[in-house]
Amino acid sequence: MSRLPNLLTLFRIALIPLLVWLLVEPSRSGAALAALTFLLACLSDFFDGYLARRHGITTTLGKFLDPLADKLLVMASLVMLASIDRHPRVPGWLVVIVIGRELAVTGLRAIASGEHIVLGAEELGKYKMIFQMFALEGLLLHYDFCGVDFFAGGMYFLWVSVVISVWSGVDYHIKVARAVWRARPRVTGDTPAPPSR
């Protein structure tokens, strides 16, 4: 049981090459299978988090792999959606914003860790991830199914997720900067002068 959350995370990472392969040659059946693969990855994310919380299973490997798997899944999906020969496509500049935000926040976490500063998960970050999941599910389906324009719906959720992503990224930058500033020692005017020789 203690290994199950990490195994589910590794399963999620293993689904990424399959997702990419399904998007190489766009088709309605490929889109449906890609969306199903992404849904399986999202379900594995939910269950590994649920099991870890319910049974108090937290490991150093899990803390590293879980956010990495989420980022790889989102980045791989967005890059493929912006590059495949299928119209309409996800604008490349939106993908740059999302990936740039993720890299910037990852770098900030490394800086905060180096300063021994621990910042908990942000509510905005959770909402961003939820909207990204809905967006990518719709964008991967792409075509009209049962009279529903999944691409249009996916783009709507993607726009919302990008706004939250930028907002949460700026908020995280401010919090890290303040925490680093507070953690560093101050040089005050009361510091005694060195003795004269």
Protein backbone atom coordinates (compact mmCIF):
# COMPACT_ATOMS: atom_id res chain seq x y z
CA MET A 1 0.00 0.00 0.00
CA SER A 2 2.83 2.42 0.83
CA ARG A 3 4.16 2.18 -2.73
CA LEU A 4 0.83 2.51 -4.51
CA PRO A 5 0.72 6.35 -4.74
CA ASN A 6 4.20 6.42 -6.29
CA LEU A 7 3.28 3.59 -8.68
CA LEU A 8 0.22 5.56 -9.80
CA THR A 9 2.43 8.61 -10.37
CA LEU A 10 4.86 6.52 -12.44
CA PHE A 11 1.86 5.17 -14.40
CA ARG A 12 0.86 8.77 -15.13
CA ILE A 13 4.35 9.55 -16.44
CA ALA A 14 4.31 6.37 -18.55
CA LEU A 15 1.08 7.52 -20.24
CA ILE A 16 2.76 10.68 -21.61
CA PRO A 17 4.60 8.97 -24.55
CA LEU A 18 1.35 7.21 -25.49
CA LEU A 19 -0.50 10.53 -25.43
CA VAL A 20 2.14 12.14 -27.65
CA TRP A 21 2.05 9.22 -30.10
CA LEU A 22 -1.75 9.41 -30.39
CA LEU A 23 -1.48 13.09 -31.36
CA VAL A 24 1.20 12.66 -34.03
CA GLU A 25 -1.37 11.76 -36.72
CA PRO A 26 -4.56 13.74 -35.94
CA SER A 27 -7.87 11.94 -36.46
CA ARG A 28 -11.22 11.69 -34.69
CA SER A 29 -10.40 8.26 -33.28
CA GLY A 30 -6.91 9.39 -32.25
CA ALA A 31 -8.38 12.47 -30.56
CA ALA A 32 -10.86 10.32 -28.62
CA LEU A 33 -8.11 7.92 -27.51
CA ALA A 34 -5.81 10.82 -26.55
CA ALA A 35 -8.61 12.34 -24.45
CA LEU A 36 -9.23 8.95 -22.81
CA THR A 37 -5.50 8.59 -22.05
CA PHE A 38 -5.46 12.06 -20.51
CA LEU A 39 -8.54 11.21 -18.43
CA LEU A 40 -6.78 8.08 -17.10
CA ALA A 41 -3.78 10.23 -16.16
CA CYS A 42 -6.05 12.70 -14.32
CA LEU A 43 -7.79 9.86 -12.46
CA SER A 44 -4.44 8.40 -11.41
CA ASP A 45 -3.47 11.86 -10.11
CA PHE A 46 -6.67 12.02 -8.04
CA PHE A 47 -6.29 8.53 -6.60
CA ASP A 48 -2.59 8.80 -5.72
CA GLY A 49 -3.33 12.06 -3.86
CA TYR A 50 -6.36 10.52 -2.15
CA LEU A 51 -4.41 7.44 -1.01
CA ALA A 52 -1.46 9.53 0.19
CA ARG A 53 -3.75 11.76 2.29
CA ARG A 54 -5.99 8.99 3.64
CA HIS A 55 -3.16 6.70 4.74
CA GLY A 56 -0.62 9.41 5.59
CA ILE A 57 1.80 8.12 2.95
CA THR A 58 4.32 10.80 2.06
CA THR A 59 7.76 10.07 0.67
CA THR A 60 10.55 12.27 -0.63
CA LEU A 61 10.26 10.52 -4.00
CA GLY A 62 6.52 11.17 -4.08
CA LYS A 63 6.95 14.87 -3.28
CA PHE A 64 9.32 15.12 -6.25
CA LEU A 65 7.50 12.89 -8.74
CA ASP A 66 3.90 14.05 -8.27
CA PRO A 67 4.30 17.72 -9.32
CA LEU A 68 6.82 16.66 -11.99
CA ALA A 69 4.28 14.24 -13.51
CA ASP A 70 1.60 16.96 -13.56
CA LYS A 71 3.91 19.46 -15.27
CA LEU A 72 5.17 16.95 -17.84
CA LEU A 73 1.62 15.89 -18.68
CA VAL A 74 0.37 19.46 -19.15
CA MET A 75 3.45 20.64 -21.06
CA ALA A 76 3.53 17.64 -23.40
CA SER A 77 -0.18 18.01 -24.17
CA LEU A 78 0.04 21.75 -24.85
CA VAL A 79 3.16 21.49 -27.02
CA MET A 80 1.54 18.78 -29.14
CA LEU A 81 -1.75 20.70 -29.42
CA ALA A 82 0.12 23.78 -30.64
CA SER A 83 2.27 21.90 -33.15
CA ILE A 84 0.12 19.20 -34.79
CA ASP A 85 -1.34 19.69 -38.25
CA ARG A 86 -4.92 20.25 -37.14
CA HIS A 87 -7.04 23.37 -37.29
CA PRO A 88 -7.91 25.30 -35.29
CA ARG A 89 -4.85 24.95 -33.10
CA VAL A 90 -3.89 26.19 -29.66
CA PRO A 91 -1.92 29.48 -30.08
CA GLY A 92 1.78 28.88 -29.48
CA TRP A 93 2.18 32.06 -27.42
CA LEU A 94 -0.38 30.77 -24.89
CA VAL A 95 1.69 27.61 -24.52
CA VAL A 96 4.82 29.74 -23.95
CA ILE A 97 3.05 31.64 -21.14
CA VAL A 98 1.92 28.44 -19.40
CA ILE A 99 5.31 26.71 -19.68
CA GLY A 100 7.19 29.88 -18.75
CA ARG A 101 5.09 30.26 -15.62
CA GLU A 102 5.72 26.65 -14.58
CA LEU A 103 9.49 27.00 -15.06
CA ALA A 104 9.58 30.31 -13.19
CA VAL A 105 7.66 28.91 -10.22
CA THR A 106 9.86 25.79 -10.17
CA GLY A 107 12.95 28.03 -10.07
CA LEU A 108 11.44 30.08 -7.25
CA ARG A 109 10.74 26.95 -5.24
CA ALA A 110 14.41 26.00 -5.60
CA ILE A 111 15.45 29.47 -4.36
CA ALA A 112 13.02 29.27 -1.44
CA SER A 113 14.30 25.79 -0.55
CA GLY A 114 17.88 27.10 -0.61
CA GLU A 115 16.84 29.76 1.89
CA HIS A 116 15.08 27.11 4.04
CA ILE A 117 11.71 28.68 3.31
CA VAL A 118 8.69 26.40 3.03
CA LEU A 119 5.57 27.74 1.33
CA GLY A 120 2.47 25.56 1.23
CA ALA A 121 0.41 24.79 -1.85
CA GLU A 122 -1.66 27.76 -3.00
CA GLU A 123 -5.42 27.66 -3.59
CA LEU A 124 -4.90 29.55 -6.87
CA GLY A 125 -2.51 26.85 -8.04
CA LYS A 126 -5.13 24.17 -7.36
CA TYR A 127 -7.78 26.07 -9.30
CA LYS A 128 -5.31 26.61 -12.15
CA MET A 129 -4.69 22.87 -12.35
CA ILE A 130 -8.43 22.04 -12.34
CA PHE A 131 -9.15 24.46 -15.20
CA GLN A 132 -6.13 23.13 -17.12
CA MET A 133 -7.48 19.59 -16.84
CA PHE A 134 -10.91 20.60 -18.19
CA ALA A 135 -9.25 22.68 -20.93
CA LEU A 136 -6.94 19.92 -22.10
CA GLU A 137 -9.68 17.30 -22.08
CA GLY A 138 -11.74 19.46 -24.43
CA LEU A 139 -8.80 20.47 -26.61
CA LEU A 140 -7.66 16.87 -26.98
CA LEU A 141 -11.15 15.80 -28.10
CA HIS A 142 -11.07 18.79 -30.50
CA TYR A 143 -13.82 17.66 -32.84
CA ASP A 144 -17.58 18.03 -32.47
CA PHE A 145 -19.02 15.03 -30.64
CA CYS A 146 -22.76 14.77 -30.03
CA GLY A 147 -23.19 18.36 -31.21
CA VAL A 148 -20.68 19.75 -28.68
CA ASP A 149 -17.78 21.90 -29.91
CA PHE A 150 -15.07 20.55 -27.61
CA PHE A 151 -12.33 22.76 -29.02
CA ALA A 152 -14.28 25.95 -28.24
CA GLY A 153 -15.06 24.69 -24.73
CA GLY A 154 -11.43 23.71 -24.19
CA MET A 155 -10.22 27.14 -25.29
CA TYR A 156 -12.63 28.82 -22.86
CA PHE A 157 -11.24 26.81 -19.94
CA LEU A 158 -7.68 27.36 -21.19
CA TRP A 159 -8.12 31.13 -21.17
CA VAL A 160 -9.43 30.98 -17.61
CA SER A 161 -6.51 28.75 -16.56
CA VAL A 162 -3.97 31.11 -18.19
CA VAL A 163 -5.37 34.11 -16.29
CA ILE A 164 -5.24 32.17 -13.00
CA SER A 165 -1.79 30.84 -13.92
CA VAL A 166 -0.32 34.32 -14.43
CA TRP A 167 -2.11 35.65 -11.34
CA SER A 168 -0.88 32.79 -9.11
CA GLY A 169 2.64 33.07 -10.57
CA VAL A 170 2.87 36.78 -9.72
CA ASP A 171 1.39 36.11 -6.26
CA TYR A 172 3.93 33.33 -5.65
CA HIS A 173 6.82 35.62 -6.73
CA ILE A 174 5.70 38.27 -4.24
CA LYS A 175 5.35 35.76 -1.39
CA VAL A 176 8.78 34.23 -2.03
CA ALA A 177 10.42 37.67 -2.28
CA ARG A 178 8.85 38.74 1.03
CA ALA A 179 9.80 35.47 2.75
CA VAL A 180 13.41 35.72 1.52
CA TRP A 181 13.58 39.37 2.62
CA ARG A 182 12.28 38.52 6.11
CA ALA A 183 14.60 35.53 6.46
CA ARG A 184 17.80 37.45 5.70
CA PRO A 185 19.61 39.19 8.57
CA ARG A 186 19.35 42.96 8.71
CA VAL A 187 22.28 45.34 9.08
CA THR A 188 21.13 48.09 11.48
CA GLY A 189 22.63 51.37 12.59
CA ASP A 190 23.18 49.87 16.06
CA THR A 191 25.89 47.55 14.77
CA PRO A 192 29.03 48.42 16.77
CA ALA A 193 31.90 49.89 14.81
CA PRO A 194 35.13 47.86 14.70
CA PRO A 195 37.65 48.90 17.38
CA SER A 196 40.19 51.53 16.29
CA ARG A 197 43.80 50.55 16.26
